[in-house]
């Protein structure tokens, strides 16, 4: 019967896996942020000038609002 010791850490593979996971999660976060900005921009662009004025914005403010600046 074979026994495997599963309590020892595997040295060398963990940092690489962490870097790949970090890169992937950062990539996903950037795509989510881009999509949120796109949806916000499109929603604000669909409003009339009067509606934008009612919420205290102008067409020049849309990009700043979409990028959360």
PDB file of N, CA and C in Angstrom:
ATOM      1  N   UNK A   1       0.837  -1.163   0.000  1.00  0.00           N
ATOM      2  CA  UNK A   1       0.000   0.000   0.000  1.00  0.00           C
ATOM      3  C   UNK A   1       0.893   1.240   0.000  1.00  0.00           C
ATOM      4  N   UNK A   2       0.567   2.197  -0.854  1.00  0.00           N
ATOM      5  CA  UNK A   2       1.355   3.416  -0.968  1.00  0.00           C
ATOM      6  C   UNK A   2       0.725   4.517  -0.140  1.00  0.00           C
ATOM      7  N   UNK A   3       1.572   5.342   0.417  1.00  0.00           N
ATOM      8  CA  UNK A   3       1.094   6.477   1.207  1.00  0.00           C
ATOM      9  C   UNK A   3       1.737   7.746   0.666  1.00  0.00           C
ATOM     10  N   UNK A   4       0.957   8.791   0.556  1.00  0.00           N
ATOM     11  CA  UNK A   4       1.452  10.070   0.067  1.00  0.00           C
ATOM     12  C   UNK A   4       1.361  11.089   1.189  1.00  0.00           C
ATOM     13  N   UNK A   5       2.435  11.828   1.356  1.00  0.00           N
ATOM     14  CA  UNK A   5       2.455  12.889   2.354  1.00  0.00           C
ATOM     15  C   UNK A   5       1.933  14.156   1.690  1.00  0.00           C
ATOM     16  N   UNK A   6       0.716  14.561   2.037  1.00  0.00           N
ATOM     17  CA  UNK A   6       0.090  15.725   1.404  1.00  0.00           C
ATOM     18  C   UNK A   6       0.198  16.980   2.264  1.00  0.00           C
ATOM     19  N   UNK A   7       0.944  16.908   3.347  1.00  0.00           N
ATOM     20  CA  UNK A   7       1.052  18.072   4.225  1.00  0.00           C
ATOM     21  C   UNK A   7       2.232  18.960   3.877  1.00  0.00           C
ATOM     22  N   UNK A   8       3.144  18.497   3.022  1.00  0.00           N
ATOM     23  CA  UNK A   8       4.312  19.302   2.662  1.00  0.00           C
ATOM     24  C   UNK A   8       3.959  20.255   1.526  1.00  0.00           C
ATOM     25  N   UNK A   9       4.400  21.492   1.618  1.00  0.00           N
ATOM     26  CA  UNK A   9       4.166  22.414   0.500  1.00  0.00           C
ATOM     27  C   UNK A   9       5.085  22.077  -0.673  1.00  0.00           C
ATOM     28  N   UNK A  10       4.610  22.371  -1.851  1.00  0.00           N
ATOM     29  CA  UNK A  10       5.408  22.167  -3.052  1.00  0.00           C
ATOM     30  C   UNK A  10       6.115  23.480  -3.345  1.00  0.00           C
ATOM     31  N   UNK A  11       7.419  23.500  -3.180  1.00  0.00           N
ATOM     32  CA  UNK A  11       8.176  24.722  -3.379  1.00  0.00           C
ATOM     33  C   UNK A  11       8.463  24.918  -4.861  1.00  0.00           C
ATOM     34  N   UNK A  12       8.350  26.135  -5.310  1.00  0.00           N
ATOM     35  CA  UNK A  12       8.675  26.462  -6.693  1.00  0.00           C
ATOM     36  C   UNK A  12       7.447  26.612  -7.564  1.00  0.00           C
ATOM     37  N   UNK A  13       6.435  25.791  -7.376  1.00  0.00           N
ATOM     38  CA  UNK A  13       5.245  25.862  -8.223  1.00  0.00           C
ATOM     39  C   UNK A  13       4.260  26.900  -7.694  1.00  0.00           C
ATOM     40  N   UNK A  14       4.200  27.108  -6.402  1.00  0.00           N
ATOM     41  CA  UNK A  14       3.212  28.011  -5.815  1.00  0.00           C
ATOM     42  C   UNK A  14       3.389  29.462  -6.281  1.00  0.00           C
ATOM     43  N   UNK A  15       4.598  30.018  -6.295  1.00  0.00           N
ATOM     44  CA  UNK A  15       4.719  31.410  -6.751  1.00  0.00           C
ATOM     45  C   UNK A  15       4.294  31.595  -8.205  1.00  0.00           C
ATOM     46  N   UNK A  16       4.605  30.624  -9.041  1.00  0.00           N
ATOM     47  CA  UNK A  16       4.220  30.741 -10.454  1.00  0.00           C
ATOM     48  C   UNK A  16       2.712  30.685 -10.592  1.00  0.00           C
ATOM     49  N   UNK A  17       2.088  29.765  -9.855  1.00  0.00           N
ATOM     50  CA  UNK A  17       0.632  29.653  -9.907  1.00  0.00           C
ATOM     51  C   UNK A  17      -0.013  30.938  -9.383  1.00  0.00           C
ATOM     52  N   UNK A  18       0.565  31.517  -8.343  1.00  0.00           N
ATOM     53  CA  UNK A  18       0.036  32.769  -7.802  1.00  0.00           C
ATOM     54  C   UNK A  18       0.167  33.912  -8.788  1.00  0.00           C
ATOM     55  N   UNK A  19       1.255  33.946  -9.516  1.00  0.00           N
ATOM     56  CA  UNK A  19       1.453  35.004 -10.514  1.00  0.00           C
ATOM     57  C   UNK A  19       0.462  34.857 -11.653  1.00  0.00           C
ATOM     58  N   UNK A  20       0.242  33.619 -12.097  1.00  0.00           N
ATOM     59  CA  UNK A  20      -0.714  33.379 -13.186  1.00  0.00           C
ATOM     60  C   UNK A  20      -2.121  33.753 -12.730  1.00  0.00           C
ATOM     61  N   UNK A  21      -2.466  33.351 -11.513  1.00  0.00           N
ATOM     62  CA  UNK A  21      -3.788  33.669 -10.979  1.00  0.00           C
ATOM     63  C   UNK A  21      -3.942  35.173 -10.823  1.00  0.00           C
ATOM     64  N   UNK A  22      -2.889  35.848 -10.348  1.00  0.00           N
ATOM     65  CA  UNK A  22      -2.939  37.301 -10.196  1.00  0.00           C
ATOM     66  C   UNK A  22      -3.081  38.009 -11.528  1.00  0.00           C
ATOM     67  N   UNK A  23      -2.354  37.539 -12.533  1.00  0.00           N
ATOM     68  CA  UNK A  23      -2.450  38.134 -13.868  1.00  0.00           C
ATOM     69  C   UNK A  23      -3.848  37.938 -14.440  1.00  0.00           C
ATOM     70  N   UNK A  24      -4.381  36.721 -14.283  1.00  0.00           N
ATOM     71  CA  UNK A  24      -5.702  36.425 -14.823  1.00  0.00           C
ATOM     72  C   UNK A  24      -6.775  37.257 -14.123  1.00  0.00           C
ATOM     73  N   UNK A  25      -6.707  37.371 -12.798  1.00  0.00           N
ATOM     74  CA  UNK A  25      -7.720  38.146 -12.081  1.00  0.00           C
ATOM     75  C   UNK A  25      -7.605  39.629 -12.419  1.00  0.00           C
ATOM     76  N   UNK A  26      -6.381  40.117 -12.645  1.00  0.00           N
ATOM     77  CA  UNK A  26      -6.195  41.513 -13.044  1.00  0.00           C
ATOM     78  C   UNK A  26      -6.774  41.751 -14.442  1.00  0.00           C
ATOM     79  N   UNK A  27      -6.587  40.792 -15.328  1.00  0.00           N
ATOM     80  CA  UNK A  27      -7.143  40.900 -16.679  1.00  0.00           C
ATOM     81  C   UNK A  27      -8.666  40.921 -16.639  1.00  0.00           C
ATOM     82  N   UNK A  28      -9.249  40.045 -15.841  1.00  0.00           N
ATOM     83  CA  UNK A  28     -10.712  40.009 -15.710  1.00  0.00           C
ATOM     84  C   UNK A  28     -11.217  41.322 -15.119  1.00  0.00           C
ATOM     85  N   UNK A  29     -10.532  41.855 -14.122  1.00  0.00           N
ATOM     86  CA  UNK A  29     -10.942  43.121 -13.504  1.00  0.00           C
ATOM     87  C   UNK A  29     -10.897  44.265 -14.519  1.00  0.00           C
ATOM     88  N   UNK A  30      -9.895  44.268 -15.380  1.00  0.00           N
ATOM     89  CA  UNK A  30      -9.801  45.321 -16.399  1.00  0.00           C
ATOM     90  C   UNK A  30     -10.934  45.211 -17.411  1.00  0.00           C
ATOM     91  N   UNK A  31     -11.286  43.994 -17.794  1.00  0.00           N
ATOM     92  CA  UNK A  31     -12.386  43.799 -18.743  1.00  0.00           C
ATOM     93  C   UNK A  31     -13.705  44.229 -18.106  1.00  0.00           C
ATOM     94  N   UNK A  32     -13.910  43.897 -16.842  1.00  0.00           N
ATOM     95  CA  UNK A  32     -15.132  44.296 -16.140  1.00  0.00           C
ATOM     96  C   UNK A  32     -15.211  45.818 -16.037  1.00  0.00           C
ATOM     97  N   UNK A  33     -14.108  46.468 -15.702  1.00  0.00           N
ATOM     98  CA  UNK A  33     -14.090  47.933 -15.591  1.00  0.00           C
ATOM     99  C   UNK A  33     -14.365  48.583 -16.950  1.00  0.00           C
ATOM    100  N   UNK A  34     -13.780  48.030 -17.996  1.00  0.00           N
ATOM    101  CA  UNK A  34     -14.020  48.566 -19.349  1.00  0.00           C
ATOM    102  C   UNK A  34     -15.492  48.437 -19.719  1.00  0.00           C
ATOM    103  N   UNK A  35     -16.084  47.290 -19.415  1.00  0.00           N
ATOM    104  CA  UNK A  35     -17.489  47.074 -19.764  1.00  0.00           C
ATOM    105  C   UNK A  35     -18.400  47.984 -18.946  1.00  0.00           C
ATOM    106  N   UNK A  36     -18.103  48.175 -17.663  1.00  0.00           N
ATOM    107  CA  UNK A  36     -18.899  49.084 -16.838  1.00  0.00           C
ATOM    108  C   UNK A  36     -18.851  50.504 -17.400  1.00  0.00           C
ATOM    109  N   UNK A  37     -17.665  50.945 -17.799  1.00  0.00           N
ATOM    110  CA  UNK A  37     -17.524  52.284 -18.379  1.00  0.00           C
ATOM    111  C   UNK A  37     -18.288  52.386 -19.691  1.00  0.00           C
ATOM    112  N   UNK A  38     -18.254  51.342 -20.485  1.00  0.00           N
ATOM    113  CA  UNK A  38     -18.967  51.332 -21.771  1.00  0.00           C
ATOM    114  C   UNK A  38     -20.471  51.426 -21.568  1.00  0.00           C
ATOM    115  N   UNK A  39     -21.002  50.652 -20.630  1.00  0.00           N
ATOM    116  CA  UNK A  39     -22.435  50.665 -20.352  1.00  0.00           C
ATOM    117  C   UNK A  39     -22.866  52.033 -19.820  1.00  0.00           C
ATOM    118  N   UNK A  40     -22.077  52.597 -18.913  1.00  0.00           N
ATOM    119  CA  UNK A  40     -22.386  53.920 -18.361  1.00  0.00           C
ATOM    120  C   UNK A  40     -22.367  54.983 -19.449  1.00  0.00           C
ATOM    121  N   UNK A  41     -21.319  54.935 -20.283  1.00  0.00           N
ATOM    122  CA  UNK A  41     -21.195  55.906 -21.380  1.00  0.00           C
ATOM    123  C   UNK A  41     -22.397  55.824 -22.317  1.00  0.00           C
ATOM    124  N   UNK A  42     -22.779  54.620 -22.704  1.00  0.00           N
ATOM    125  CA  UNK A  42     -23.912  54.454 -23.623  1.00  0.00           C
ATOM    126  C   UNK A  42     -25.223  54.926 -22.994  1.00  0.00           C
ATOM    127  N   UNK A  43     -25.403  54.661 -21.701  1.00  0.00           N
ATOM    128  CA  UNK A  43     -26.629  55.103 -21.031  1.00  0.00           C
ATOM    129  C   UNK A  43     -26.695  56.624 -20.986  1.00  0.00           C
ATOM    130  N   UNK A  44     -25.584  57.267 -20.661  1.00  0.00           N
ATOM    131  CA  UNK A  44     -25.577  58.733 -20.597  1.00  0.00           C
ATOM    132  C   UNK A  44     -25.710  59.359 -21.982  1.00  0.00           C
ATOM    133  N   UNK A  45     -25.115  58.746 -22.981  1.00  0.00           N
ATOM    134  CA  UNK A  45     -25.233  59.285 -24.339  1.00  0.00           C
ATOM    135  C   UNK A  45     -26.653  59.187 -24.881  1.00  0.00           C
ATOM    136  N   UNK A  46     -27.439  58.262 -24.347  1.00  0.00           N
ATOM    137  CA  UNK A  46     -28.815  58.115 -24.821  1.00  0.00           C
ATOM    138  C   UNK A  46     -29.756  59.162 -24.225  1.00  0.00           C
ATOM    139  N   UNK A  47     -29.289  59.882 -23.195  1.00  0.00           N
ATOM    140  CA  UNK A  47     -30.116  60.922 -22.584  1.00  0.00           C
ATOM    141  C   UNK A  47     -30.089  62.199 -23.421  1.00  0.00           C
ATOM    142  N   UNK A  48     -31.165  62.964 -23.301  1.00  0.00           N
ATOM    143  CA  UNK A  48     -31.214  64.252 -23.988  1.00  0.00           C
ATOM    144  C   UNK A  48     -30.424  65.275 -23.175  1.00  0.00           C
ATOM    145  N   UNK A  49     -30.155  66.423 -23.783  1.00  0.00           N
ATOM    146  CA  UNK A  49     -29.444  67.494 -23.072  1.00  0.00           C
ATOM    147  C   UNK A  49     -30.244  67.958 -21.851  1.00  0.00           C
ATOM    148  N   UNK A  50     -31.535  67.982 -21.974  1.00  0.00           N
ATOM    149  CA  UNK A  50     -32.402  68.394 -20.857  1.00  0.00           C
ATOM    150  C   UNK A  50     -32.283  67.384 -19.704  1.00  0.00           C
ATOM    151  N   UNK A  51     -32.300  66.107 -20.015  1.00  0.00           N
ATOM    152  CA  UNK A  51     -32.178  65.077 -18.970  1.00  0.00           C
ATOM    153  C   UNK A  51     -30.806  65.122 -18.310  1.00  0.00           C
ATOM    154  N   UNK A  52     -29.774  65.358 -19.099  1.00  0.00           N
ATOM    155  CA  UNK A  52     -28.430  65.486 -18.534  1.00  0.00           C
ATOM    156  C   UNK A  52     -28.362  66.701 -17.613  1.00  0.00           C
ATOM    157  N   UNK A  53     -28.982  67.800 -18.027  1.00  0.00           N
ATOM    158  CA  UNK A  53     -28.987  69.008 -17.199  1.00  0.00           C
ATOM    159  C   UNK A  53     -29.730  68.759 -15.887  1.00  0.00           C
ATOM    160  N   UNK A  54     -30.779  67.950 -15.928  1.00  0.00           N
ATOM    161  CA  UNK A  54     -31.539  67.635 -14.717  1.00  0.00           C
ATOM    162  C   UNK A  54     -30.684  66.900 -13.685  1.00  0.00           C
ATOM    163  N   UNK A  55     -29.734  66.111 -14.135  1.00  0.00           N
ATOM    164  CA  UNK A  55     -28.877  65.381 -13.187  1.00  0.00           C
ATOM    165  C   UNK A  55     -27.537  66.085 -12.985  1.00  0.00           C
ATOM    166  N   UNK A  56     -27.423  67.301 -13.518  1.00  0.00           N
ATOM    167  CA  UNK A  56     -26.242  68.120 -13.266  1.00  0.00           C
ATOM    168  C   UNK A  56     -25.042  67.774 -14.119  1.00  0.00           C
ATOM    169  N   UNK A  57     -25.277  67.248 -15.321  1.00  0.00           N
ATOM    170  CA  UNK A  57     -24.172  66.890 -16.223  1.00  0.00           C
ATOM    171  C   UNK A  57     -24.347  67.575 -17.566  1.00  0.00           C
ATOM    172  N   UNK A  58     -23.254  67.626 -18.298  1.00  0.00           N
ATOM    173  CA  UNK A  58     -23.303  68.062 -19.692  1.00  0.00           C
ATOM    174  C   UNK A  58     -22.661  66.961 -20.533  1.00  0.00           C
ATOM    175  N   UNK A  59     -22.763  67.090 -21.817  1.00  0.00           N
ATOM    176  CA  UNK A  59     -22.160  66.079 -22.701  1.00  0.00           C
ATOM    177  C   UNK A  59     -20.646  65.983 -22.491  1.00  0.00           C
ATOM    178  N   UNK A  60     -20.023  67.081 -22.119  1.00  0.00           N
ATOM    179  CA  UNK A  60     -18.573  67.091 -21.892  1.00  0.00           C
ATOM    180  C   UNK A  60     -18.183  66.287 -20.652  1.00  0.00           C
ATOM    181  N   UNK A  61     -19.112  66.075 -19.729  1.00  0.00           N
ATOM    182  CA  UNK A  61     -18.826  65.347 -18.490  1.00  0.00           C
ATOM    183  C   UNK A  61     -18.953  63.837 -18.634  1.00  0.00           C
ATOM    184  N   UNK A  62     -19.526  63.365 -19.713  1.00  0.00           N
ATOM    185  CA  UNK A  62     -19.853  61.947 -19.834  1.00  0.00           C
ATOM    186  C   UNK A  62     -18.615  61.062 -19.733  1.00  0.00           C
ATOM    187  N   UNK A  63     -17.554  61.399 -20.421  1.00  0.00           N
ATOM    188  CA  UNK A  63     -16.350  60.554 -20.391  1.00  0.00           C
ATOM    189  C   UNK A  63     -15.747  60.497 -18.992  1.00  0.00           C
ATOM    190  N   UNK A  64     -15.724  61.631 -18.304  1.00  0.00           N
ATOM    191  CA  UNK A  64     -15.198  61.651 -16.943  1.00  0.00           C
ATOM    192  C   UNK A  64     -16.038  60.788 -16.000  1.00  0.00           C
ATOM    193  N   UNK A  65     -17.342  60.864 -16.142  1.00  0.00           N
ATOM    194  CA  UNK A  65     -18.233  60.060 -15.301  1.00  0.00           C
ATOM    195  C   UNK A  65     -18.047  58.580 -15.620  1.00  0.00           C
ATOM    196  N   UNK A  66     -17.939  58.247 -16.892  1.00  0.00           N
ATOM    197  CA  UNK A  66     -17.785  56.843 -17.293  1.00  0.00           C
ATOM    198  C   UNK A  66     -16.487  56.254 -16.774  1.00  0.00           C
ATOM    199  N   UNK A  67     -15.443  57.071 -16.675  1.00  0.00           N
ATOM    200  CA  UNK A  67     -14.153  56.585 -16.203  1.00  0.00           C
ATOM    201  C   UNK A  67     -13.973  56.788 -14.690  1.00  0.00           C
ATOM    202  N   UNK A  68     -15.022  57.240 -14.013  1.00  0.00           N
ATOM    203  CA  UNK A  68     -15.005  57.468 -12.550  1.00  0.00           C
ATOM    204  C   UNK A  68     -13.926  58.460 -12.127  1.00  0.00           C
ATOM    205  N   UNK A  69     -13.747  59.503 -12.892  1.00  0.00           N
ATOM    206  CA  UNK A  69     -12.758  60.530 -12.536  1.00  0.00           C
ATOM    207  C   UNK A  69     -13.388  61.639 -11.758  1.00  0.00           C
TER     208      UNK A  69
END
